[in-house]
Amino acid sequence: GLVQAGGSLRLSCAASGGTINTYTM
């Protein structure tokens, strides 16, 4: 999204169709 300089954001990456437990991300 849009954020002011100095602010914070948290990005999420949701996986489906399989597990990512064995993958480097």
mmCIF file of all heavy atoms, coordinates in Angstrom:
data_MODEL
# 
_entry.id   MODEL 
# 
loop_
_atom_site.group_PDB 
_atom_site.id 
_atom_site.type_symbol 
_atom_site.label_atom_id 
_atom_site.label_alt_id 
_atom_site.label_comp_id 
_atom_site.label_asym_id 
_atom_site.label_entity_id 
_atom_site.label_seq_id 
_atom_site.pdbx_PDB_ins_code 
_atom_site.Cartn_x 
_atom_site.Cartn_y 
_atom_site.Cartn_z 
_atom_site.occupancy 
_atom_site.B_iso_or_equiv 
_atom_site.pdbx_formal_charge 
_atom_site.auth_seq_id 
_atom_site.auth_comp_id 
_atom_site.auth_asym_id 
_atom_site.auth_atom_id 
_atom_site.pdbx_PDB_model_num 
ATOM 1   N N   . GLY A 1 1  ? 0.814  -1.195  0.000  1.00 0.00 ? 1  GLY A N   1 
ATOM 2   C CA  . GLY A 1 1  ? 0.000  0.000   0.000  1.00 0.00 ? 1  GLY A CA  1 
ATOM 3   C C   . GLY A 1 1  ? 0.846  1.241   0.000  1.00 0.00 ? 1  GLY A C   1 
ATOM 4   O O   . GLY A 1 1  ? 2.049  1.202   -0.247 1.00 0.00 ? 1  GLY A O   1 
ATOM 5   N N   . LEU A 1 2  ? 0.202  2.351   0.274  1.00 0.00 ? 2  LEU A N   1 
ATOM 6   C CA  . LEU A 1 2  ? 0.853  3.653   0.340  1.00 0.00 ? 2  LEU A CA  1 
ATOM 7   C C   . LEU A 1 2  ? 1.150  3.989   1.788  1.00 0.00 ? 2  LEU A C   1 
ATOM 8   O O   . LEU A 1 2  ? 0.266  3.919   2.646  1.00 0.00 ? 2  LEU A O   1 
ATOM 9   C CB  . LEU A 1 2  ? -0.045 4.723   -0.279 1.00 0.00 ? 2  LEU A CB  1 
ATOM 10  C CG  . LEU A 1 2  ? 0.446  6.162   -0.220 1.00 0.00 ? 2  LEU A CG  1 
ATOM 11  C CD1 . LEU A 1 2  ? 1.725  6.323   -1.035 1.00 0.00 ? 2  LEU A CD1 1 
ATOM 12  C CD2 . LEU A 1 2  ? -0.637 7.101   -0.727 1.00 0.00 ? 2  LEU A CD2 1 
ATOM 13  N N   . VAL A 1 3  ? 2.388  4.350   2.048  1.00 0.00 ? 3  VAL A N   1 
ATOM 14  C CA  . VAL A 1 3  ? 2.801  4.667   3.403  1.00 0.00 ? 3  VAL A CA  1 
ATOM 15  C C   . VAL A 1 3  ? 3.744  5.859   3.383  1.00 0.00 ? 3  VAL A C   1 
ATOM 16  O O   . VAL A 1 3  ? 4.477  6.074   2.414  1.00 0.00 ? 3  VAL A O   1 
ATOM 17  C CB  . VAL A 1 3  ? 3.466  3.447   4.081  1.00 0.00 ? 3  VAL A CB  1 
ATOM 18  C CG1 . VAL A 1 3  ? 4.764  3.075   3.376  1.00 0.00 ? 3  VAL A CG1 1 
ATOM 19  C CG2 . VAL A 1 3  ? 3.702  3.688   5.561  1.00 0.00 ? 3  VAL A CG2 1 
ATOM 20  N N   . GLN A 1 4  ? 3.719  6.630   4.445  1.00 0.00 ? 4  GLN A N   1 
ATOM 21  C CA  . GLN A 1 4  ? 4.602  7.773   4.574  1.00 0.00 ? 4  GLN A CA  1 
ATOM 22  C C   . GLN A 1 4  ? 6.009  7.322   4.942  1.00 0.00 ? 4  GLN A C   1 
ATOM 23  O O   . GLN A 1 4  ? 6.194  6.314   5.623  1.00 0.00 ? 4  GLN A O   1 
ATOM 24  C CB  . GLN A 1 4  ? 4.061  8.724   5.641  1.00 0.00 ? 4  GLN A CB  1 
ATOM 25  C CG  . GLN A 1 4  ? 4.792  10.048  5.751  1.00 0.00 ? 4  GLN A CG  1 
ATOM 26  C CD  . GLN A 1 4  ? 4.176  10.947  6.808  1.00 0.00 ? 4  GLN A CD  1 
ATOM 27  O OE1 . GLN A 1 4  ? 3.547  10.479  7.746  1.00 0.00 ? 4  GLN A OE1 1 
ATOM 28  N NE2 . GLN A 1 4  ? 4.370  12.244  6.657  1.00 0.00 ? 4  GLN A NE2 1 
ATOM 29  N N   . ALA A 1 5  ? 7.004  8.060   4.479  1.00 0.00 ? 5  ALA A N   1 
ATOM 30  C CA  . ALA A 1 5  ? 8.379  7.759   4.852  1.00 0.00 ? 5  ALA A CA  1 
ATOM 31  C C   . ALA A 1 5  ? 8.507  7.682   6.366  1.00 0.00 ? 5  ALA A C   1 
ATOM 32  O O   . ALA A 1 5  ? 7.959  8.509   7.095  1.00 0.00 ? 5  ALA A O   1 
ATOM 33  C CB  . ALA A 1 5  ? 9.329  8.813   4.294  1.00 0.00 ? 5  ALA A CB  1 
ATOM 34  N N   . GLY A 1 6  ? 9.231  6.671   6.817  1.00 0.00 ? 6  GLY A N   1 
ATOM 35  C CA  . GLY A 1 6  ? 9.379  6.426   8.239  1.00 0.00 ? 6  GLY A CA  1 
ATOM 36  C C   . GLY A 1 6  ? 8.362  5.461   8.806  1.00 0.00 ? 6  GLY A C   1 
ATOM 37  O O   . GLY A 1 6  ? 8.521  5.001   9.943  1.00 0.00 ? 6  GLY A O   1 
ATOM 38  N N   . GLY A 1 7  ? 7.358  5.141   8.026  1.00 0.00 ? 7  GLY A N   1 
ATOM 39  C CA  . GLY A 1 7  ? 6.327  4.235   8.470  1.00 0.00 ? 7  GLY A CA  1 
ATOM 40  C C   . GLY A 1 7  ? 6.698  2.782   8.292  1.00 0.00 ? 7  GLY A C   1 
ATOM 41  O O   . GLY A 1 7  ? 7.809  2.441   7.877  1.00 0.00 ? 7  GLY A O   1 
ATOM 42  N N   . SER A 1 8  ? 5.736  1.917   8.586  1.00 0.00 ? 8  SER A N   1 
ATOM 43  C CA  . SER A 1 8  ? 5.958  0.480   8.540  1.00 0.00 ? 8  SER A CA  1 
ATOM 44  C C   . SER A 1 8  ? 4.848  -0.222  7.786  1.00 0.00 ? 8  SER A C   1 
ATOM 45  O O   . SER A 1 8  ? 3.714  0.245   7.741  1.00 0.00 ? 8  SER A O   1 
ATOM 46  C CB  . SER A 1 8  ? 6.027  -0.097  9.960  1.00 0.00 ? 8  SER A CB  1 
ATOM 47  O OG  . SER A 1 8  ? 7.107  0.443   10.700 1.00 0.00 ? 8  SER A OG  1 
ATOM 48  N N   . LEU A 1 9  ? 5.191  -1.345  7.210  1.00 0.00 ? 9  LEU A N   1 
ATOM 49  C CA  . LEU A 1 9  ? 4.244  -2.249  6.587  1.00 0.00 ? 9  LEU A CA  1 
ATOM 50  C C   . LEU A 1 9  ? 4.693  -3.673  6.859  1.00 0.00 ? 9  LEU A C   1 
ATOM 51  O O   . LEU A 1 9  ? 5.886  -3.934  7.010  1.00 0.00 ? 9  LEU A O   1 
ATOM 52  C CB  . LEU A 1 9  ? 4.165  -2.046  5.073  1.00 0.00 ? 9  LEU A CB  1 
ATOM 53  C CG  . LEU A 1 9  ? 3.456  -0.819  4.522  1.00 0.00 ? 9  LEU A CG  1 
ATOM 54  C CD1 . LEU A 1 9  ? 3.663  -0.748  3.013  1.00 0.00 ? 9  LEU A CD1 1 
ATOM 55  C CD2 . LEU A 1 9  ? 1.977  -0.855  4.854  1.00 0.00 ? 9  LEU A CD2 1 
ATOM 56  N N   . ARG A 1 10 ? 3.740  -4.576  6.909  1.00 0.00 ? 10 ARG A N   1 
ATOM 57  C CA  . ARG A 1 10 ? 4.058  -5.991  6.965  1.00 0.00 ? 10 ARG A CA  1 
ATOM 58  C C   . ARG A 1 10 ? 3.434  -6.687  5.773  1.00 0.00 ? 10 ARG A C   1 
ATOM 59  O O   . ARG A 1 10 ? 2.210  -6.684  5.615  1.00 0.00 ? 10 ARG A O   1 
ATOM 60  C CB  . ARG A 1 10 ? 3.566  -6.653  8.255  1.00 0.00 ? 10 ARG A CB  1 
ATOM 61  C CG  . ARG A 1 10 ? 4.093  -8.089  8.395  1.00 0.00 ? 10 ARG A CG  1 
ATOM 62  C CD  . ARG A 1 10 ? 3.660  -8.776  9.667  1.00 0.00 ? 10 ARG A CD  1 
ATOM 63  N NE  . ARG A 1 10 ? 2.262  -9.194  9.622  1.00 0.00 ? 10 ARG A NE  1 
ATOM 64  C CZ  . ARG A 1 10 ? 1.749  -10.154 10.396 1.00 0.00 ? 10 ARG A CZ  1 
ATOM 65  N NH1 . ARG A 1 10 ? 2.525  -10.783 11.275 1.00 0.00 ? 10 ARG A NH1 1 
ATOM 66  N NH2 . ARG A 1 10 ? 0.479  -10.456 10.300 1.00 0.00 ? 10 ARG A NH2 1 
ATOM 67  N N   . LEU A 1 11 ? 4.284  -7.273  4.951  1.00 0.00 ? 11 LEU A N   1 
ATOM 68  C CA  . LEU A 1 11 ? 3.826  -8.038  3.810  1.00 0.00 ? 11 LEU A CA  1 
ATOM 69  C C   . LEU A 1 11 ? 3.652  -9.495  4.209  1.00 0.00 ? 11 LEU A C   1 
ATOM 70  O O   . LEU A 1 11 ? 4.438  -10.033 4.984  1.00 0.00 ? 11 LEU A O   1 
ATOM 71  C CB  . LEU A 1 11 ? 4.816  -7.944  2.652  1.00 0.00 ? 11 LEU A CB  1 
ATOM 72  C CG  . LEU A 1 11 ? 5.192  -6.540  2.172  1.00 0.00 ? 11 LEU A CG  1 
ATOM 73  C CD1 . LEU A 1 11 ? 6.115  -6.642  0.961  1.00 0.00 ? 11 LEU A CD1 1 
ATOM 74  C CD2 . LEU A 1 11 ? 3.954  -5.724  1.853  1.00 0.00 ? 11 LEU A CD2 1 
ATOM 75  N N   . SER A 1 12 ? 2.637  -10.119 3.658  1.00 0.00 ? 12 SER A N   1 
ATOM 76  C CA  . SER A 1 12 ? 2.393  -11.530 3.884  1.00 0.00 ? 12 SER A CA  1 
ATOM 77  C C   . SER A 1 12 ? 2.402  -12.262 2.555  1.00 0.00 ? 12 SER A C   1 
ATOM 78  O O   . SER A 1 12 ? 1.992  -11.722 1.531  1.00 0.00 ? 12 SER A O   1 
ATOM 79  C CB  . SER A 1 12 ? 1.046  -11.750 4.579  1.00 0.00 ? 12 SER A CB  1 
ATOM 80  O OG  . SER A 1 12 ? 1.020  -11.164 5.861  1.00 0.00 ? 12 SER A OG  1 
ATOM 81  N N   . CYS A 1 13 ? 2.868  -13.482 2.590  1.00 0.00 ? 13 CYS A N   1 
ATOM 82  C CA  . CYS A 1 13 ? 2.877  -14.354 1.424  1.00 0.00 ? 13 CYS A CA  1 
ATOM 83  C C   . CYS A 1 13 ? 2.204  -15.645 1.825  1.00 0.00 ? 13 CYS A C   1 
ATOM 84  O O   . CYS A 1 13 ? 2.776  -16.448 2.577  1.00 0.00 ? 13 CYS A O   1 
ATOM 85  C CB  . CYS A 1 13 ? 4.310  -14.597 0.951  1.00 0.00 ? 13 CYS A CB  1 
ATOM 86  S SG  . CYS A 1 13 ? 4.474  -15.807 -0.375 1.00 0.00 ? 13 CYS A SG  1 
ATOM 87  N N   . ALA A 1 14 ? 0.991  -15.838 1.357  1.00 0.00 ? 14 ALA A N   1 
ATOM 88  C CA  . ALA A 1 14 ? 0.217  -17.019 1.695  1.00 0.00 ? 14 ALA A CA  1 
ATOM 89  C C   . ALA A 1 14 ? 0.331  -18.050 0.583  1.00 0.00 ? 14 ALA A C   1 
ATOM 90  O O   . ALA A 1 14 ? 0.126  -17.732 -0.591 1.00 0.00 ? 14 ALA A O   1 
ATOM 91  C CB  . ALA A 1 14 ? -1.244 -16.647 1.923  1.00 0.00 ? 14 ALA A CB  1 
ATOM 92  N N   . ALA A 1 15 ? 0.657  -19.262 0.950  1.00 0.00 ? 15 ALA A N   1 
ATOM 93  C CA  . ALA A 1 15 ? 0.808  -20.339 -0.013 1.00 0.00 ? 15 ALA A CA  1 
ATOM 94  C C   . ALA A 1 15 ? -0.404 -21.257 0.015  1.00 0.00 ? 15 ALA A C   1 
ATOM 95  O O   . ALA A 1 15 ? -1.001 -21.495 1.066  1.00 0.00 ? 15 ALA A O   1 
ATOM 96  C CB  . ALA A 1 15 ? 2.068  -21.148 0.277  1.00 0.00 ? 15 ALA A CB  1 
ATOM 97  N N   . SER A 1 16 ? -0.744 -21.762 -1.154 1.00 0.00 ? 16 SER A N   1 
ATOM 98  C CA  . SER A 1 16 ? -1.827 -22.728 -1.269 1.00 0.00 ? 16 SER A CA  1 
ATOM 99  C C   . SER A 1 16 ? -1.460 -23.758 -2.327 1.00 0.00 ? 16 SER A C   1 
ATOM 100 O O   . SER A 1 16 ? -0.548 -23.548 -3.123 1.00 0.00 ? 16 SER A O   1 
ATOM 101 C CB  . SER A 1 16 ? -3.148 -22.044 -1.626 1.00 0.00 ? 16 SER A CB  1 
ATOM 102 O OG  . SER A 1 16 ? -3.060 -21.383 -2.880 1.00 0.00 ? 16 SER A OG  1 
ATOM 103 N N   . GLY A 1 17 ? -2.162 -24.863 -2.328 1.00 0.00 ? 17 GLY A N   1 
ATOM 104 C CA  . GLY A 1 17 ? -1.885 -25.912 -3.292 1.00 0.00 ? 17 GLY A CA  1 
ATOM 105 C C   . GLY A 1 17 ? -0.714 -26.795 -2.924 1.00 0.00 ? 17 GLY A C   1 
ATOM 106 O O   . GLY A 1 17 ? -0.347 -27.699 -3.680 1.00 0.00 ? 17 GLY A O   1 
ATOM 107 N N   . GLY A 1 18 ? -0.106 -26.546 -1.793 1.00 0.00 ? 18 GLY A N   1 
ATOM 108 C CA  . GLY A 1 18 ? 1.033  -27.304 -1.335 1.00 0.00 ? 18 GLY A CA  1 
ATOM 109 C C   . GLY A 1 18 ? 1.675  -26.611 -0.159 1.00 0.00 ? 18 GLY A C   1 
ATOM 110 O O   . GLY A 1 18 ? 1.436  -25.429 0.084  1.00 0.00 ? 18 GLY A O   1 
ATOM 111 N N   . THR A 1 19 ? 2.498  -27.331 0.551  1.00 0.00 ? 19 THR A N   1 
ATOM 112 C CA  . THR A 1 19 ? 3.185  -26.758 1.700  1.00 0.00 ? 19 THR A CA  1 
ATOM 113 C C   . THR A 1 19 ? 4.524  -26.177 1.282  1.00 0.00 ? 19 THR A C   1 
ATOM 114 O O   . THR A 1 19 ? 5.152  -26.637 0.328  1.00 0.00 ? 19 THR A O   1 
ATOM 115 C CB  . THR A 1 19 ? 3.403  -27.804 2.800  1.00 0.00 ? 19 THR A CB  1 
ATOM 116 O OG1 . THR A 1 19 ? 4.261  -28.852 2.311  1.00 0.00 ? 19 THR A OG1 1 
ATOM 117 C CG2 . THR A 1 19 ? 2.078  -28.407 3.240  1.00 0.00 ? 19 THR A CG2 1 
ATOM 118 N N   . ILE A 1 20 ? 4.971  -25.173 2.024  1.00 0.00 ? 20 ILE A N   1 
ATOM 119 C CA  . ILE A 1 20 ? 6.254  -24.538 1.754  1.00 0.00 ? 20 ILE A CA  1 
ATOM 120 C C   . ILE A 1 20 ? 7.280  -24.905 2.805  1.00 0.00 ? 20 ILE A C   1 
ATOM 121 O O   . ILE A 1 20 ? 8.357  -24.312 2.858  1.00 0.00 ? 20 ILE A O   1 
ATOM 122 C CB  . ILE A 1 20 ? 6.121  -23.001 1.678  1.00 0.00 ? 20 ILE A CB  1 
ATOM 123 C CG1 . ILE A 1 20 ? 5.614  -22.441 3.014  1.00 0.00 ? 20 ILE A CG1 1 
ATOM 124 C CG2 . ILE A 1 20 ? 5.198  -22.599 0.535  1.00 0.00 ? 20 ILE A CG2 1 
ATOM 125 C CD1 . ILE A 1 20 ? 5.678  -20.923 3.096  1.00 0.00 ? 20 ILE A CD1 1 
ATOM 126 N N   . ASN A 1 21 ? 6.974  -25.889 3.629  1.00 0.00 ? 21 ASN A N   1 
ATOM 127 C CA  . ASN A 1 21 ? 7.830  -26.200 4.766  1.00 0.00 ? 21 ASN A CA  1 
ATOM 128 C C   . ASN A 1 21 ? 9.206  -26.694 4.379  1.00 0.00 ? 21 ASN A C   1 
ATOM 129 O O   . ASN A 1 21 ? 10.121 -26.675 5.209  1.00 0.00 ? 21 ASN A O   1 
ATOM 130 C CB  . ASN A 1 21 ? 7.132  -27.207 5.689  1.00 0.00 ? 21 ASN A CB  1 
ATOM 131 C CG  . ASN A 1 21 ? 6.908  -28.553 5.035  1.00 0.00 ? 21 ASN A CG  1 
ATOM 132 O OD1 . ASN A 1 21 ? 7.742  -29.444 5.125  1.00 0.00 ? 21 ASN A OD1 1 
ATOM 133 N ND2 . ASN A 1 21 ? 5.782  -28.707 4.361  1.00 0.00 ? 21 ASN A ND2 1 
ATOM 134 N N   . THR A 1 22 ? 9.382  -27.148 3.153  1.00 0.00 ? 22 THR A N   1 
ATOM 135 C CA  . THR A 1 22 ? 10.691 -27.614 2.697  1.00 0.00 ? 22 THR A CA  1 
ATOM 136 C C   . THR A 1 22 ? 11.389 -26.609 1.785  1.00 0.00 ? 22 THR A C   1 
ATOM 137 O O   . THR A 1 22 ? 12.486 -26.893 1.297  1.00 0.00 ? 22 THR A O   1 
ATOM 138 C CB  . THR A 1 22 ? 10.583 -28.951 1.952  1.00 0.00 ? 22 THR A CB  1 
ATOM 139 O OG1 . THR A 1 22 ? 9.817  -28.784 0.755  1.00 0.00 ? 22 THR A OG1 1 
ATOM 140 C CG2 . THR A 1 22 ? 9.927  -30.005 2.831  1.00 0.00 ? 22 THR A CG2 1 
ATOM 141 N N   . TYR A 1 23 ? 10.789 -25.461 1.566  1.00 0.00 ? 23 TYR A N   1 
ATOM 142 C CA  . TYR A 1 23 ? 11.297 -24.513 0.585  1.00 0.00 ? 23 TYR A CA  1 
ATOM 143 C C   . TYR A 1 23 ? 12.015 -23.339 1.225  1.00 0.00 ? 23 TYR A C   1 
ATOM 144 O O   . TYR A 1 23 ? 11.525 -22.752 2.193  1.00 0.00 ? 23 TYR A O   1 
ATOM 145 C CB  . TYR A 1 23 ? 10.163 -23.949 -0.259 1.00 0.00 ? 23 TYR A CB  1 
ATOM 146 C CG  . TYR A 1 23 ? 9.346  -24.956 -1.019 1.00 0.00 ? 23 TYR A CG  1 
ATOM 147 C CD1 . TYR A 1 23 ? 8.025  -24.677 -1.339 1.00 0.00 ? 23 TYR A CD1 1 
ATOM 148 C CD2 . TYR A 1 23 ? 9.881  -26.163 -1.418 1.00 0.00 ? 23 TYR A CD2 1 
ATOM 149 C CE1 . TYR A 1 23 ? 7.255  -25.579 -2.043 1.00 0.00 ? 23 TYR A CE1 1 
ATOM 150 C CE2 . TYR A 1 23 ? 9.116  -27.086 -2.121 1.00 0.00 ? 23 TYR A CE2 1 
ATOM 151 C CZ  . TYR A 1 23 ? 7.798  -26.785 -2.431 1.00 0.00 ? 23 TYR A CZ  1 
ATOM 152 O OH  . TYR A 1 23 ? 7.041  -27.687 -3.128 1.00 0.00 ? 23 TYR A OH  1 
ATOM 153 N N   . THR A 1 24 ? 13.157 -22.991 0.660  1.00 0.00 ? 24 THR A N   1 
ATOM 154 C CA  . THR A 1 24 ? 13.726 -21.684 0.916  1.00 0.00 ? 24 THR A CA  1 
ATOM 155 C C   . THR A 1 24 ? 12.830 -20.640 0.260  1.00 0.00 ? 24 THR A C   1 
ATOM 156 O O   . THR A 1 24 ? 12.383 -20.824 -0.872 1.00 0.00 ? 24 THR A O   1 
ATOM 157 C CB  . THR A 1 24 ? 15.149 -21.586 0.354  1.00 0.00 ? 24 THR A CB  1 
ATOM 158 O OG1 . THR A 1 24 ? 16.002 -22.484 1.071  1.00 0.00 ? 24 THR A OG1 1 
ATOM 159 C CG2 . THR A 1 24 ? 15.699 -20.172 0.473  1.00 0.00 ? 24 THR A CG2 1 
ATOM 160 N N   . MET A 1 25 ? 12.566 -19.553 0.972  1.00 0.00 ? 25 MET A N   1 
ATOM 161 C CA  . MET A 1 25 ? 11.669 -18.518 0.481  1.00 0.00 ? 25 MET A CA  1 
ATOM 162 C C   . MET A 1 25 ? 12.399 -17.185 0.386  1.00 0.00 ? 25 MET A C   1 
ATOM 163 O O   . MET A 1 25 ? 13.290 -16.897 1.184  1.00 0.00 ? 25 MET A O   1 
ATOM 164 C CB  . MET A 1 25 ? 10.463 -18.362 1.410  1.00 0.00 ? 25 MET A CB  1 
ATOM 165 C CG  . MET A 1 25 ? 9.666  -19.640 1.633  1.00 0.00 ? 25 MET A CG  1 
ATOM 166 S SD  . MET A 1 25 ? 8.798  -20.200 0.141  1.00 0.00 ? 25 MET A SD  1 
ATOM 167 C CE  . MET A 1 25 ? 7.618  -18.859 -0.088 1.00 0.00 ? 25 MET A CE  1 
# 
